[in-house]
Amino acid sequence: MDEVAAALADPVRRDILLMVRAQPLAAGQIADRFAISRPAVSRHLRVLREAGLVRDTVDGRRRVYTLVTAPLDELAGWLARLTRPAGWQHRLDALETEVHRTRRERQRAAGGSAAQEEIA
């Protein structure tokens, strides 16, 4: 997970991942979209490959890169644990929901009995 997070820390690498998400691209096609040198793009691709976020296949003299999402699962799970309510907060949120539901039901019941009194 640390290697994946480190790979995602750089905005160029995040842009590369978005590019290869849309379609497999050759290294040259990726490099053409940046104002940085081809060797710099190559280093970024190596970091992504070593983190398991992209896979490269050789097609003649070209290396074609595709996105691999499996390494993101562990990081996504950790982020979900970090962002969801912890301990008591989760229980208090559930209690608040239940209180609102009960109030709505009581208001509906009171509104229904008041309508019945007007008819009688």
PDB file of N, CA and C in Angstrom:
ATOM      1  N   MET A   1       0.827  -1.190   0.000  1.00  0.00           N
ATOM      2  CA  MET A   1       0.000   0.000   0.000  1.00  0.00           C
ATOM      3  C   MET A   1       0.875   1.260   0.000  1.00  0.00           C
ATOM      4  N   ASP A   2       2.000   1.230   0.712  1.00  0.00           N
ATOM      5  CA  ASP A   2       2.877   2.400   0.762  1.00  0.00           C
ATOM      6  C   ASP A   2       3.427   2.746  -0.617  1.00  0.00           C
ATOM      7  N   GLU A   3       3.790   1.728  -1.375  1.00  0.00           N
ATOM      8  CA  GLU A   3       4.337   1.955  -2.712  1.00  0.00           C
ATOM      9  C   GLU A   3       3.280   2.564  -3.633  1.00  0.00           C
ATOM     10  N   VAL A   4       2.045   2.098  -3.497  1.00  0.00           N
ATOM     11  CA  VAL A   4       0.946   2.639  -4.302  1.00  0.00           C
ATOM     12  C   VAL A   4       0.693   4.093  -3.929  1.00  0.00           C
ATOM     13  N   ALA A   5       0.641   4.379  -2.616  1.00  0.00           N
ATOM     14  CA  ALA A   5       0.412   5.756  -2.166  1.00  0.00           C
ATOM     15  C   ALA A   5       1.535   6.671  -2.629  1.00  0.00           C
ATOM     16  N   ALA A   6       2.766   6.194  -2.573  1.00  0.00           N
ATOM     17  CA  ALA A   6       3.900   7.005  -3.025  1.00  0.00           C
ATOM     18  C   ALA A   6       3.804   7.275  -4.525  1.00  0.00           C
ATOM     19  N   ALA A   7       3.382   6.277  -5.285  1.00  0.00           N
ATOM     20  CA  ALA A   7       3.240   6.461  -6.731  1.00  0.00           C
ATOM     21  C   ALA A   7       2.149   7.484  -7.051  1.00  0.00           C
ATOM     22  N   LEU A   8       1.089   7.481  -6.263  1.00  0.00           N
ATOM     23  CA  LEU A   8      -0.020   8.404  -6.499  1.00  0.00           C
ATOM     24  C   LEU A   8       0.275   9.821  -6.019  1.00  0.00           C
ATOM     25  N   ALA A   9       1.350   9.995  -5.270  1.00  0.00           N
ATOM     26  CA  ALA A   9       1.670  11.305  -4.703  1.00  0.00           C
ATOM     27  C   ALA A   9       2.070  12.327  -5.759  1.00  0.00           C
ATOM     28  N   ASP A  10       2.509  11.884  -6.898  1.00  0.00           N
ATOM     29  CA  ASP A  10       2.984  12.804  -7.928  1.00  0.00           C
ATOM     30  C   ASP A  10       1.865  13.108  -8.935  1.00  0.00           C
ATOM     31  N   PRO A  11       1.610  14.381  -9.223  1.00  0.00           N
ATOM     32  CA  PRO A  11       0.526  14.723 -10.149  1.00  0.00           C
ATOM     33  C   PRO A  11       0.746  14.221 -11.577  1.00  0.00           C
ATOM     34  N   VAL A  12       1.986  14.125 -12.022  1.00  0.00           N
ATOM     35  CA  VAL A  12       2.245  13.591 -13.368  1.00  0.00           C
ATOM     36  C   VAL A  12       1.816  12.131 -13.430  1.00  0.00           C
ATOM     37  N   ARG A  13       2.150  11.369 -12.403  1.00  0.00           N
ATOM     38  CA  ARG A  13       1.761   9.950 -12.391  1.00  0.00           C
ATOM     39  C   ARG A  13       0.248   9.795 -12.315  1.00  0.00           C
ATOM     40  N   ARG A  14      -0.413  10.671 -11.560  1.00  0.00           N
ATOM     41  CA  ARG A  14      -1.881  10.604 -11.513  1.00  0.00           C
ATOM     42  C   ARG A  14      -2.466  10.899 -12.896  1.00  0.00           C
ATOM     43  N   ASP A  15      -1.893  11.864 -13.601  1.00  0.00           N
ATOM     44  CA  ASP A  15      -2.359  12.165 -14.962  1.00  0.00           C
ATOM     45  C   ASP A  15      -2.135  10.979 -15.896  1.00  0.00           C
ATOM     46  N   ILE A  16      -1.001  10.330 -15.765  1.00  0.00           N
ATOM     47  CA  ILE A  16      -0.717   9.155 -16.599  1.00  0.00           C
ATOM     48  C   ILE A  16      -1.763   8.072 -16.345  1.00  0.00           C
ATOM     49  N   LEU A  17      -2.104   7.841 -15.090  1.00  0.00           N
ATOM     50  CA  LEU A  17      -3.114   6.826 -14.768  1.00  0.00           C
ATOM     51  C   LEU A  17      -4.454   7.159 -15.399  1.00  0.00           C
ATOM     52  N   LEU A  18      -4.829   8.424 -15.381  1.00  0.00           N
ATOM     53  CA  LEU A  18      -6.081   8.816 -16.030  1.00  0.00           C
ATOM     54  C   LEU A  18      -6.019   8.596 -17.537  1.00  0.00           C
ATOM     55  N   MET A  19      -4.867   8.836 -18.131  1.00  0.00           N
ATOM     56  CA  MET A  19      -4.707   8.621 -19.573  1.00  0.00           C
ATOM     57  C   MET A  19      -4.880   7.159 -19.945  1.00  0.00           C
ATOM     58  N   VAL A  20      -4.180   6.280 -19.221  1.00  0.00           N
ATOM     59  CA  VAL A  20      -4.233   4.860 -19.587  1.00  0.00           C
ATOM     60  C   VAL A  20      -5.521   4.205 -19.090  1.00  0.00           C
ATOM     61  N   ARG A  21      -6.260   4.902 -18.257  1.00  0.00           N
ATOM     62  CA  ARG A  21      -7.585   4.405 -17.861  1.00  0.00           C
ATOM     63  C   ARG A  21      -8.521   4.443 -19.063  1.00  0.00           C
ATOM     64  N   ALA A  22      -8.406   5.509 -19.840  1.00  0.00           N
ATOM     65  CA  ALA A  22      -9.281   5.675 -20.991  1.00  0.00           C
ATOM     66  C   ALA A  22      -8.967   4.675 -22.097  1.00  0.00           C
ATOM     67  N   GLN A  23      -7.665   4.412 -22.311  1.00  0.00           N
ATOM     68  CA  GLN A  23      -7.251   3.478 -23.373  1.00  0.00           C
ATOM     69  C   GLN A  23      -5.782   3.144 -23.199  1.00  0.00           C
ATOM     70  N   PRO A  24      -5.368   1.972 -23.640  1.00  0.00           N
ATOM     71  CA  PRO A  24      -3.938   1.642 -23.594  1.00  0.00           C
ATOM     72  C   PRO A  24      -3.159   2.616 -24.472  1.00  0.00           C
ATOM     73  N   LEU A  25      -2.019   3.058 -23.970  1.00  0.00           N
ATOM     74  CA  LEU A  25      -1.206   4.017 -24.720  1.00  0.00           C
ATOM     75  C   LEU A  25       0.249   3.582 -24.739  1.00  0.00           C
ATOM     76  N   ALA A  26       0.910   3.887 -25.840  1.00  0.00           N
ATOM     77  CA  ALA A  26       2.349   3.643 -25.947  1.00  0.00           C
ATOM     78  C   ALA A  26       3.077   4.719 -25.141  1.00  0.00           C
ATOM     79  N   ALA A  27       4.280   4.383 -24.698  1.00  0.00           N
ATOM     80  CA  ALA A  27       5.080   5.319 -23.905  1.00  0.00           C
ATOM     81  C   ALA A  27       5.266   6.643 -24.643  1.00  0.00           C
ATOM     82  N   GLY A  28       5.491   6.596 -25.931  1.00  0.00           N
ATOM     83  CA  GLY A  28       5.664   7.813 -26.717  1.00  0.00           C
ATOM     84  C   GLY A  28       4.414   8.675 -26.737  1.00  0.00           C
ATOM     85  N   GLN A  29       3.251   8.032 -26.834  1.00  0.00           N
ATOM     86  CA  GLN A  29       1.993   8.773 -26.815  1.00  0.00           C
ATOM     87  C   GLN A  29       1.800   9.472 -25.470  1.00  0.00           C
ATOM     88  N   ILE A  30       2.190   8.794 -24.408  1.00  0.00           N
ATOM     89  CA  ILE A  30       2.086   9.394 -23.076  1.00  0.00           C
ATOM     90  C   ILE A  30       3.043  10.572 -22.971  1.00  0.00           C
ATOM     91  N   ALA A  31       4.271  10.375 -23.406  1.00  0.00           N
ATOM     92  CA  ALA A  31       5.293  11.424 -23.308  1.00  0.00           C
ATOM     93  C   ALA A  31       4.912  12.657 -24.117  1.00  0.00           C
ATOM     94  N   ASP A  32       4.259  12.455 -25.261  1.00  0.00           N
ATOM     95  CA  ASP A  32       3.874  13.583 -26.107  1.00  0.00           C
ATOM     96  C   ASP A  32       2.884  14.519 -25.426  1.00  0.00           C
ATOM     97  N   ARG A  33       2.195  14.050 -24.404  1.00  0.00           N
ATOM     98  CA  ARG A  33       1.173  14.852 -23.728  1.00  0.00           C
ATOM     99  C   ARG A  33       1.725  15.692 -22.580  1.00  0.00           C
ATOM    100  N   PHE A  34       3.032  15.606 -22.342  1.00  0.00           N
ATOM    101  CA  PHE A  34       3.651  16.339 -21.239  1.00  0.00           C
ATOM    102  C   PHE A  34       4.737  17.265 -21.751  1.00  0.00           C
ATOM    103  N   ALA A  35       4.993  18.321 -20.981  1.00  0.00           N
ATOM    104  CA  ALA A  35       6.052  19.270 -21.319  1.00  0.00           C
ATOM    105  C   ALA A  35       7.372  18.875 -20.661  1.00  0.00           C
ATOM    106  N   ILE A  36       7.445  17.677 -20.113  1.00  0.00           N
ATOM    107  CA  ILE A  36       8.680  17.198 -19.492  1.00  0.00           C
ATOM    108  C   ILE A  36       9.390  16.257 -20.465  1.00  0.00           C
ATOM    109  N   SER A  37      10.627  15.942 -20.170  1.00  0.00           N
ATOM    110  CA  SER A  37      11.424  15.117 -21.083  1.00  0.00           C
ATOM    111  C   SER A  37      10.912  13.674 -21.132  1.00  0.00           C
ATOM    112  N   ARG A  38      11.230  13.000 -22.208  1.00  0.00           N
ATOM    113  CA  ARG A  38      10.859  11.584 -22.346  1.00  0.00           C
ATOM    114  C   ARG A  38      11.497  10.719 -21.257  1.00  0.00           C
ATOM    115  N   PRO A  39      12.776  10.947 -20.898  1.00  0.00           N
ATOM    116  CA  PRO A  39      13.345  10.159 -19.800  1.00  0.00           C
ATOM    117  C   PRO A  39      12.602  10.380 -18.474  1.00  0.00           C
ATOM    118  N   ALA A  40      12.113  11.596 -18.248  1.00  0.00           N
ATOM    119  CA  ALA A  40      11.351  11.863 -17.021  1.00  0.00           C
ATOM    120  C   ALA A  40      10.037  11.078 -17.039  1.00  0.00           C
ATOM    121  N   VAL A  41       9.362  11.064 -18.176  1.00  0.00           N
ATOM    122  CA  VAL A  41       8.126  10.286 -18.306  1.00  0.00           C
ATOM    123  C   VAL A  41       8.426   8.809 -18.120  1.00  0.00           C
ATOM    124  N   SER A  42       9.536   8.355 -18.673  1.00  0.00           N
ATOM    125  CA  SER A  42       9.941   6.958 -18.527  1.00  0.00           C
ATOM    126  C   SER A  42      10.138   6.598 -17.059  1.00  0.00           C
ATOM    127  N   ARG A  43      10.737   7.496 -16.289  1.00  0.00           N
ATOM    128  CA  ARG A  43      10.914   7.247 -14.846  1.00  0.00           C
ATOM    129  C   ARG A  43       9.570   7.163 -14.138  1.00  0.00           C
ATOM    130  N   HIS A  44       8.643   8.045 -14.506  1.00  0.00           N
ATOM    131  CA  HIS A  44       7.299   8.003 -13.908  1.00  0.00           C
ATOM    132  C   HIS A  44       6.608   6.674 -14.239  1.00  0.00           C
ATOM    133  N   LEU A  45       6.747   6.230 -15.483  1.00  0.00           N
ATOM    134  CA  LEU A  45       6.144   4.953 -15.881  1.00  0.00           C
ATOM    135  C   LEU A  45       6.767   3.795 -15.119  1.00  0.00           C
ATOM    136  N   ARG A  46       8.069   3.859 -14.872  1.00  0.00           N
ATOM    137  CA  ARG A  46       8.737   2.804 -14.102  1.00  0.00           C
ATOM    138  C   ARG A  46       8.189   2.749 -12.673  1.00  0.00           C
ATOM    139  N   VAL A  47       7.995   3.899 -12.048  1.00  0.00           N
ATOM    140  CA  VAL A  47       7.441   3.944 -10.691  1.00  0.00           C
ATOM    141  C   VAL A  47       6.041   3.337 -10.680  1.00  0.00           C
ATOM    142  N   LEU A  48       5.230   3.696 -11.650  1.00  0.00           N
ATOM    143  CA  LEU A  48       3.875   3.144 -11.728  1.00  0.00           C
ATOM    144  C   LEU A  48       3.895   1.640 -11.972  1.00  0.00           C
ATOM    145  N   ARG A  49       4.817   1.187 -12.817  1.00  0.00           N
ATOM    146  CA  ARG A  49       4.940  -0.249 -13.103  1.00  0.00           C
ATOM    147  C   ARG A  49       5.381  -1.006 -11.860  1.00  0.00           C
ATOM    148  N   GLU A  50       6.366  -0.470 -11.137  1.00  0.00           N
ATOM    149  CA  GLU A  50       6.867  -1.138  -9.932  1.00  0.00           C
ATOM    150  C   GLU A  50       5.823  -1.163  -8.817  1.00  0.00           C
ATOM    151  N   ALA A  51       4.926  -0.176  -8.794  1.00  0.00           N
ATOM    152  CA  ALA A  51       3.839  -0.159  -7.811  1.00  0.00           C
ATOM    153  C   ALA A  51       2.694  -1.068  -8.243  1.00  0.00           C
ATOM    154  N   GLY A  52       2.774  -1.588  -9.466  1.00  0.00           N
ATOM    155  CA  GLY A  52       1.737  -2.493  -9.967  1.00  0.00           C
ATOM    156  C   GLY A  52       0.515  -1.788 -10.514  1.00  0.00           C
ATOM    157  N   LEU A  53       0.613  -0.470 -10.727  1.00  0.00           N
ATOM    158  CA  LEU A  53      -0.542   0.305 -11.181  1.00  0.00           C
ATOM    159  C   LEU A  53      -0.710   0.309 -12.694  1.00  0.00           C
ATOM    160  N   VAL A  54       0.351  -0.012 -13.421  1.00  0.00           N
ATOM    161  CA  VAL A  54       0.257  -0.157 -14.872  1.00  0.00           C
ATOM    162  C   VAL A  54       0.977  -1.439 -15.276  1.00  0.00           C
ATOM    163  N   ARG A  55       0.545  -1.957 -16.413  1.00  0.00           N
ATOM    164  CA  ARG A  55       1.197  -3.131 -16.993  1.00  0.00           C
ATOM    165  C   ARG A  55       1.653  -2.712 -18.380  1.00  0.00           C
ATOM    166  N   ASP A  56       2.841  -3.140 -18.746  1.00  0.00           N
ATOM    167  CA  ASP A  56       3.327  -2.817 -20.080  1.00  0.00           C
ATOM    168  C   ASP A  56       3.471  -4.092 -20.891  1.00  0.00           C
ATOM    169  N   THR A  57       3.146  -3.966 -22.149  1.00  0.00           N
ATOM    170  CA  THR A  57       3.335  -5.067 -23.086  1.00  0.00           C
ATOM    171  C   THR A  57       4.154  -4.532 -24.249  1.00  0.00           C
ATOM    172  N   VAL A  58       4.968  -5.397 -24.806  1.00  0.00           N
ATOM    173  CA  VAL A  58       5.806  -4.996 -25.921  1.00  0.00           C
ATOM    174  C   VAL A  58       5.053  -5.280 -27.214  1.00  0.00           C
ATOM    175  N   ASP A  59       4.964  -4.252 -28.038  1.00  0.00           N
ATOM    176  CA  ASP A  59       4.298  -4.358 -29.330  1.00  0.00           C
ATOM    177  C   ASP A  59       5.289  -3.847 -30.376  1.00  0.00           C
ATOM    178  N   GLY A  60       6.083  -4.769 -30.911  1.00  0.00           N
ATOM    179  CA  GLY A  60       7.159  -4.366 -31.818  1.00  0.00           C
ATOM    180  C   GLY A  60       8.224  -3.619 -31.026  1.00  0.00           C
ATOM    181  N   ARG A  61       8.438  -2.368 -31.384  1.00  0.00           N
ATOM    182  CA  ARG A  61       9.430  -1.553 -30.667  1.00  0.00           C
ATOM    183  C   ARG A  61       8.766  -0.645 -29.629  1.00  0.00           C
ATOM    184  N   ARG A  62       7.460  -0.761 -29.494  1.00  0.00           N
ATOM    185  CA  ARG A  62       6.734   0.103 -28.558  1.00  0.00           C
ATOM    186  C   ARG A  62       6.371  -0.649 -27.283  1.00  0.00           C
ATOM    187  N   ARG A  63       6.319   0.088 -26.189  1.00  0.00           N
ATOM    188  CA  ARG A  63       5.771  -0.438 -24.933  1.00  0.00           C
ATOM    189  C   ARG A  63       4.405   0.209 -24.760  1.00  0.00           C
ATOM    190  N   VAL A  64       3.384  -0.625 -24.620  1.00  0.00           N
ATOM    191  CA  VAL A  64       2.018  -0.138 -24.464  1.00  0.00           C
ATOM    192  C   VAL A  64       1.611  -0.344 -23.013  1.00  0.00           C
ATOM    193  N   TYR A  65       1.092   0.715 -22.388  1.00  0.00           N
ATOM    194  CA  TYR A  65       0.739   0.699 -20.971  1.00  0.00           C
ATOM    195  C   TYR A  65      -0.773   0.658 -20.790  1.00  0.00           C
ATOM    196  N   THR A  66      -1.190  -0.178 -19.835  1.00  0.00           N
ATOM    197  CA  THR A  66      -2.603  -0.261 -19.458  1.00  0.00           C
ATOM    198  C   THR A  66      -2.715  -0.140 -17.944  1.00  0.00           C
ATOM    199  N   LEU A  67      -3.855   0.326 -17.489  1.00  0.00           N
ATOM    200  CA  LEU A  67      -4.106   0.516 -16.063  1.00  0.00           C
ATOM    201  C   LEU A  67      -4.390  -0.813 -15.378  1.00  0.00           C
ATOM    202  N   VAL A  68      -3.870  -0.964 -14.167  1.00  0.00           N
ATOM    203  CA  VAL A  68      -4.173  -2.114 -13.313  1.00  0.00           C
ATOM    204  C   VAL A  68      -4.750  -1.544 -12.019  1.00  0.00           C
ATOM    205  N   THR A  69      -6.001  -1.840 -11.723  1.00  0.00           N
ATOM    206  CA  THR A  69      -6.664  -1.219 -10.568  1.00  0.00           C
ATOM    207  C   THR A  69      -6.559  -2.033  -9.283  1.00  0.00           C
ATOM    208  N   ALA A  70      -6.186  -3.288  -9.361  1.00  0.00           N
ATOM    209  CA  ALA A  70      -6.153  -4.138  -8.173  1.00  0.00           C
ATOM    210  C   ALA A  70      -5.326  -3.553  -7.023  1.00  0.00           C
ATOM    211  N   PRO A  71      -4.159  -2.964  -7.266  1.00  0.00           N
ATOM    212  CA  PRO A  71      -3.389  -2.405  -6.150  1.00  0.00           C
ATOM    213  C   PRO A  71      -4.098  -1.255  -5.432  1.00  0.00           C
ATOM    214  N   LEU A  72      -5.075  -0.669  -6.068  1.00  0.00           N
ATOM    215  CA  LEU A  72      -5.812   0.437  -5.451  1.00  0.00           C
ATOM    216  C   LEU A  72      -6.804  -0.050  -4.396  1.00  0.00           C
ATOM    217  N   ASP A  73      -7.175  -1.326  -4.444  1.00  0.00           N
ATOM    218  CA  ASP A  73      -8.184  -1.857  -3.528  1.00  0.00           C
ATOM    219  C   ASP A  73      -7.772  -1.723  -2.072  1.00  0.00           C
ATOM    220  N   GLU A  74      -6.541  -2.085  -1.745  1.00  0.00           N
ATOM    221  CA  GLU A  74      -6.092  -1.995  -0.359  1.00  0.00           C
ATOM    222  C   GLU A  74      -6.079  -0.546   0.110  1.00  0.00           C
ATOM    223  N   LEU A  75      -5.603   0.345  -0.737  1.00  0.00           N
ATOM    224  CA  LEU A  75      -5.573   1.759  -0.386  1.00  0.00           C
ATOM    225  C   LEU A  75      -6.991   2.306  -0.236  1.00  0.00           C
ATOM    226  N   ALA A  76      -7.883   1.927  -1.117  1.00  0.00           N
ATOM    227  CA  ALA A  76      -9.276   2.376  -1.034  1.00  0.00           C
ATOM    228  C   ALA A  76      -9.931   1.882   0.256  1.00  0.00           C
ATOM    229  N   GLY A  77      -9.640   0.646   0.641  1.00  0.00           N
ATOM    230  CA  GLY A  77     -10.172   0.116   1.898  1.00  0.00           C
ATOM    231  C   GLY A  77      -9.677   0.891   3.100  1.00  0.00           C
ATOM    232  N   TRP A  78      -8.393   1.225   3.088  1.00  0.00           N
ATOM    233  CA  TRP A  78      -7.828   1.995   4.194  1.00  0.00           C
ATOM    234  C   TRP A  78      -8.448   3.389   4.243  1.00  0.00           C
ATOM    235  N   LEU A  79      -8.600   4.028   3.091  1.00  0.00           N
ATOM    236  CA  LEU A  79      -9.206   5.352   3.046  1.00  0.00           C
ATOM    237  C   LEU A  79     -10.655   5.314   3.524  1.00  0.00           C
ATOM    238  N   ALA A  80     -11.368   4.252   3.182  1.00  0.00           N
ATOM    239  CA  ALA A  80     -12.752   4.118   3.641  1.00  0.00           C
ATOM    240  C   ALA A  80     -12.802   4.025   5.160  1.00  0.00           C
ATOM    241  N   ARG A  81     -11.873   3.278   5.750  1.00  0.00           N
ATOM    242  CA  ARG A  81     -11.831   3.184   7.216  1.00  0.00           C
ATOM    243  C   ARG A  81     -11.534   4.535   7.835  1.00  0.00           C
ATOM    244  N   LEU A  82     -10.717   5.305   7.170  1.00  0.00           N
ATOM    245  CA  LEU A  82     -10.326   6.615   7.681  1.00  0.00           C
ATOM    246  C   LEU A  82     -11.475   7.618   7.606  1.00  0.00           C
ATOM    247  N   THR A  83     -12.286   7.523   6.581  1.00  0.00           N
ATOM    248  CA  THR A  83     -13.316   8.527   6.353  1.00  0.00           C
ATOM    249  C   THR A  83     -14.669   8.182   6.952  1.00  0.00           C
ATOM    250  N   ARG A  84     -14.928   6.932   7.265  1.00  0.00           N
ATOM    251  CA  ARG A  84     -16.236   6.609   7.847  1.00  0.00           C
ATOM    252  C   ARG A  84     -16.223   6.969   9.335  1.00  0.00           C
ATOM    253  N   PRO A  85     -17.393   7.226   9.883  1.00  0.00           N
ATOM    254  CA  PRO A  85     -17.466   7.582  11.299  1.00  0.00           C
ATOM    255  C   PRO A  85     -16.888   6.476  12.180  1.00  0.00           C
ATOM    256  N   ALA A  86     -16.195   6.898  13.217  1.00  0.00           N
ATOM    257  CA  ALA A  86     -15.535   5.939  14.104  1.00  0.00           C
ATOM    258  C   ALA A  86     -16.376   5.711  15.357  1.00  0.00           C
ATOM    259  N   GLY A  87     -16.370   4.469  15.830  1.00  0.00           N
ATOM    260  CA  GLY A  87     -16.943   4.104  17.123  1.00  0.00           C
ATOM    261  C   GLY A  87     -18.300   4.701  17.413  1.00  0.00           C
ATOM    262  N   TRP A  88     -18.352   5.534  18.436  1.00  0.00           N
ATOM    263  CA  TRP A  88     -19.605   6.111  18.897  1.00  0.00           C
ATOM    264  C   TRP A  88     -20.255   7.012  17.868  1.00  0.00           C
ATOM    265  N   GLN A  89     -19.471   7.681  17.055  1.00  0.00           N
ATOM    266  CA  GLN A  89     -20.049   8.592  16.064  1.00  0.00           C
ATOM    267  C   GLN A  89     -21.002   7.839  15.148  1.00  0.00           C
ATOM    268  N   HIS A  90     -20.629   6.649  14.750  1.00  0.00           N
ATOM    269  CA  HIS A  90     -21.487   5.833  13.884  1.00  0.00           C
ATOM    270  C   HIS A  90     -22.794   5.502  14.609  1.00  0.00           C
ATOM    271  N   ARG A  91     -22.705   5.127  15.866  1.00  0.00           N
ATOM    272  CA  ARG A  91     -23.899   4.788  16.634  1.00  0.00           C
ATOM    273  C   ARG A  91     -24.777   6.019  16.868  1.00  0.00           C
ATOM    274  N   LEU A  92     -24.151   7.156  17.132  1.00  0.00           N
ATOM    275  CA  LEU A  92     -24.924   8.382  17.332  1.00  0.00           C
ATOM    276  C   LEU A  92     -25.628   8.807  16.046  1.00  0.00           C
ATOM    277  N   ASP A  93     -24.974   8.624  14.911  1.00  0.00           N
ATOM    278  CA  ASP A  93     -25.620   8.925  13.630  1.00  0.00           C
ATOM    279  C   ASP A  93     -26.838   8.038  13.423  1.00  0.00           C
ATOM    280  N   ALA A  94     -26.720   6.764  13.775  1.00  0.00           N
ATOM    281  CA  ALA A  94     -27.849   5.843  13.650  1.00  0.00           C
ATOM    282  C   ALA A  94     -28.984   6.247  14.588  1.00  0.00           C
ATOM    283  N   LEU A  95     -28.650   6.661  15.800  1.00  0.00           N
ATOM    284  CA  LEU A  95     -29.660   7.107  16.753  1.00  0.00           C
ATOM    285  C   LEU A  95     -30.380   8.349  16.238  1.00  0.00           C
ATOM    286  N   GLU A  96     -29.625   9.290  15.687  1.00  0.00           N
ATOM    287  CA  GLU A  96     -30.227  10.499  15.142  1.00  0.00           C
ATOM    288  C   GLU A  96     -31.211  10.164  14.020  1.00  0.00           C
ATOM    289  N   THR A  97     -30.845   9.234  13.176  1.00  0.00           N
ATOM    290  CA  THR A  97     -31.729   8.809  12.091  1.00  0.00           C
ATOM    291  C   THR A  97     -33.012   8.214  12.652  1.00  0.00           C
ATOM    292  N   GLU A  98     -32.884   7.393  13.673  1.00  0.00           N
ATOM    293  CA  GLU A  98     -34.047   6.759  14.287  1.00  0.00           C
ATOM    294  C   GLU A  98     -34.958   7.798  14.949  1.00  0.00           C
ATOM    295  N   VAL A  99     -34.387   8.788  15.606  1.00  0.00           N
ATOM    296  CA  VAL A  99     -35.183   9.852  16.243  1.00  0.00           C
ATOM    297  C   VAL A  99     -35.976  10.613  15.189  1.00  0.00           C
ATOM    298  N   HIS A 100     -35.331  10.965  14.070  1.00  0.00           N
ATOM    299  CA  HIS A 100     -36.042  11.673  12.998  1.00  0.00           C
ATOM    300  C   HIS A 100     -37.166  10.824  12.415  1.00  0.00           C
ATOM    301  N   ARG A 101     -36.910   9.542  12.235  1.00  0.00           N
ATOM    302  CA  ARG A 101     -37.944   8.649  11.691  1.00  0.00           C
ATOM    303  C   ARG A 101     -39.135   8.579  12.640  1.00  0.00           C
ATOM    304  N   THR A 102     -38.877   8.438  13.934  1.00  0.00           N
ATOM    305  CA  THR A 102     -39.945   8.348  14.924  1.00  0.00           C
ATOM    306  C   THR A 102     -40.761   9.641  14.961  1.00  0.00           C
ATOM    307  N   ARG A 103     -40.102  10.794  14.901  1.00  0.00           N
ATOM    308  CA  ARG A 103     -40.808  12.080  14.884  1.00  0.00           C
ATOM    309  C   ARG A 103     -41.725  12.194  13.669  1.00  0.00           C
ATOM    310  N   ARG A 104     -41.222  11.788  12.505  1.00  0.00           N
ATOM    311  CA  ARG A 104     -42.048  11.838  11.296  1.00  0.00           C
ATOM    312  C   ARG A 104     -43.285  10.963  11.445  1.00  0.00           C
ATOM    313  N   GLU A 105     -43.094   9.770  11.986  1.00  0.00           N
ATOM    314  CA  GLU A 105     -44.236   8.865  12.159  1.00  0.00           C
ATOM    315  C   GLU A 105     -45.255   9.453  13.123  1.00  0.00           C
ATOM    316  N   ARG A 106     -44.803  10.071  14.191  1.00  0.00           N
ATOM    317  CA  ARG A 106     -45.722  10.683  15.164  1.00  0.00           C
ATOM    318  C   ARG A 106     -46.461  11.861  14.542  1.00  0.00           C
ATOM    319  N   GLN A 107     -45.757  12.664  13.751  1.00  0.00           N
ATOM    320  CA  GLN A 107     -46.407  13.801  13.095  1.00  0.00           C
ATOM    321  C   GLN A 107     -47.464  13.324  12.107  1.00  0.00           C
ATOM    322  N   ARG A 108     -47.159  12.273  11.375  1.00  0.00           N
ATOM    323  CA  ARG A 108     -48.144  11.719  10.427  1.00  0.00           C
ATOM    324  C   ARG A 108     -49.354  11.186  11.168  1.00  0.00           C
ATOM    325  N   ALA A 109     -49.114  10.487  12.281  1.00  0.00           N
ATOM    326  CA  ALA A 109     -50.204   9.939  13.070  1.00  0.00           C
ATOM    327  C   ALA A 109     -51.059  11.057  13.662  1.00  0.00           C
ATOM    328  N   ALA A 110     -50.426  12.123  14.155  1.00  0.00           N
ATOM    329  CA  ALA A 110     -51.167  13.253  14.721  1.00  0.00           C
ATOM    330  C   ALA A 110     -51.964  13.983  13.631  1.00  0.00           C
ATOM    331  N   GLY A 111     -51.387  14.105  12.450  1.00  0.00           N
ATOM    332  CA  GLY A 111     -52.074  14.746  11.336  1.00  0.00           C
ATOM    333  C   GLY A 111     -53.273  13.935  10.893  1.00  0.00           C
ATOM    334  N   GLY A 112     -53.155  12.625  10.928  1.00  0.00           N
ATOM    335  CA  GLY A 112     -54.255  11.741  10.543  1.00  0.00           C
ATOM    336  C   GLY A 112     -55.403  11.808  11.527  1.00  0.00           C
ATOM    337  N   SER A 113     -55.124  11.858  12.845  1.00  0.00           N
ATOM    338  CA  SER A 113     -56.190  11.913  13.844  1.00  0.00           C
ATOM    339  C   SER A 113     -56.856  13.278  13.838  1.00  0.00           C
ATOM    340  N   ALA A 114     -56.122  14.350  13.542  1.00  0.00           N
ATOM    341  CA  ALA A 114     -56.732  15.691  13.478  1.00  0.00           C
ATOM    342  C   ALA A 114     -57.673  15.764  12.293  1.00  0.00           C
ATOM    343  N   ALA A 115     -57.327  15.138  11.195  1.00  0.00           N
ATOM    344  CA  ALA A 115     -58.204  15.134  10.017  1.00  0.00           C
ATOM    345  C   ALA A 115     -59.478  14.364  10.306  1.00  0.00           C
ATOM    346  N   GLN A 116     -59.383  13.266  11.075  1.00  0.00           N
ATOM    347  CA  GLN A 116     -60.544  12.472  11.412  1.00  0.00           C
ATOM    348  C   GLN A 116     -61.488  13.251  12.331  1.00  0.00           C
ATOM    349  N   GLU A 117     -60.948  14.089  13.254  1.00  0.00           N
ATOM    350  CA  GLU A 117     -61.767  14.890  14.163  1.00  0.00           C
ATOM    351  C   GLU A 117     -62.535  15.947  13.380  1.00  0.00           C
ATOM    352  N   GLU A 118     -61.952  16.524  12.337  1.00  0.00           N
ATOM    353  CA  GLU A 118     -62.631  17.537  11.530  1.00  0.00           C
ATOM    354  C   GLU A 118     -63.812  16.925  10.800  1.00  0.00           C
ATOM    355  N   ILE A 119     -63.670  15.708  10.342  1.00  0.00           N
ATOM    356  CA  ILE A 119     -64.749  15.032   9.600  1.00  0.00           C
ATOM    357  C   ILE A 119     -65.916  14.742  10.530  1.00  0.00           C
ATOM    358  N   ALA A 120     -65.638  14.359  11.767  1.00  0.00           N
ATOM    359  CA  ALA A 120     -66.693  13.972  12.724  1.00  0.00           C
ATOM    360  C   ALA A 120     -67.362  15.193  13.236  1.00  0.00           C
TER     361      ALA A 120
END
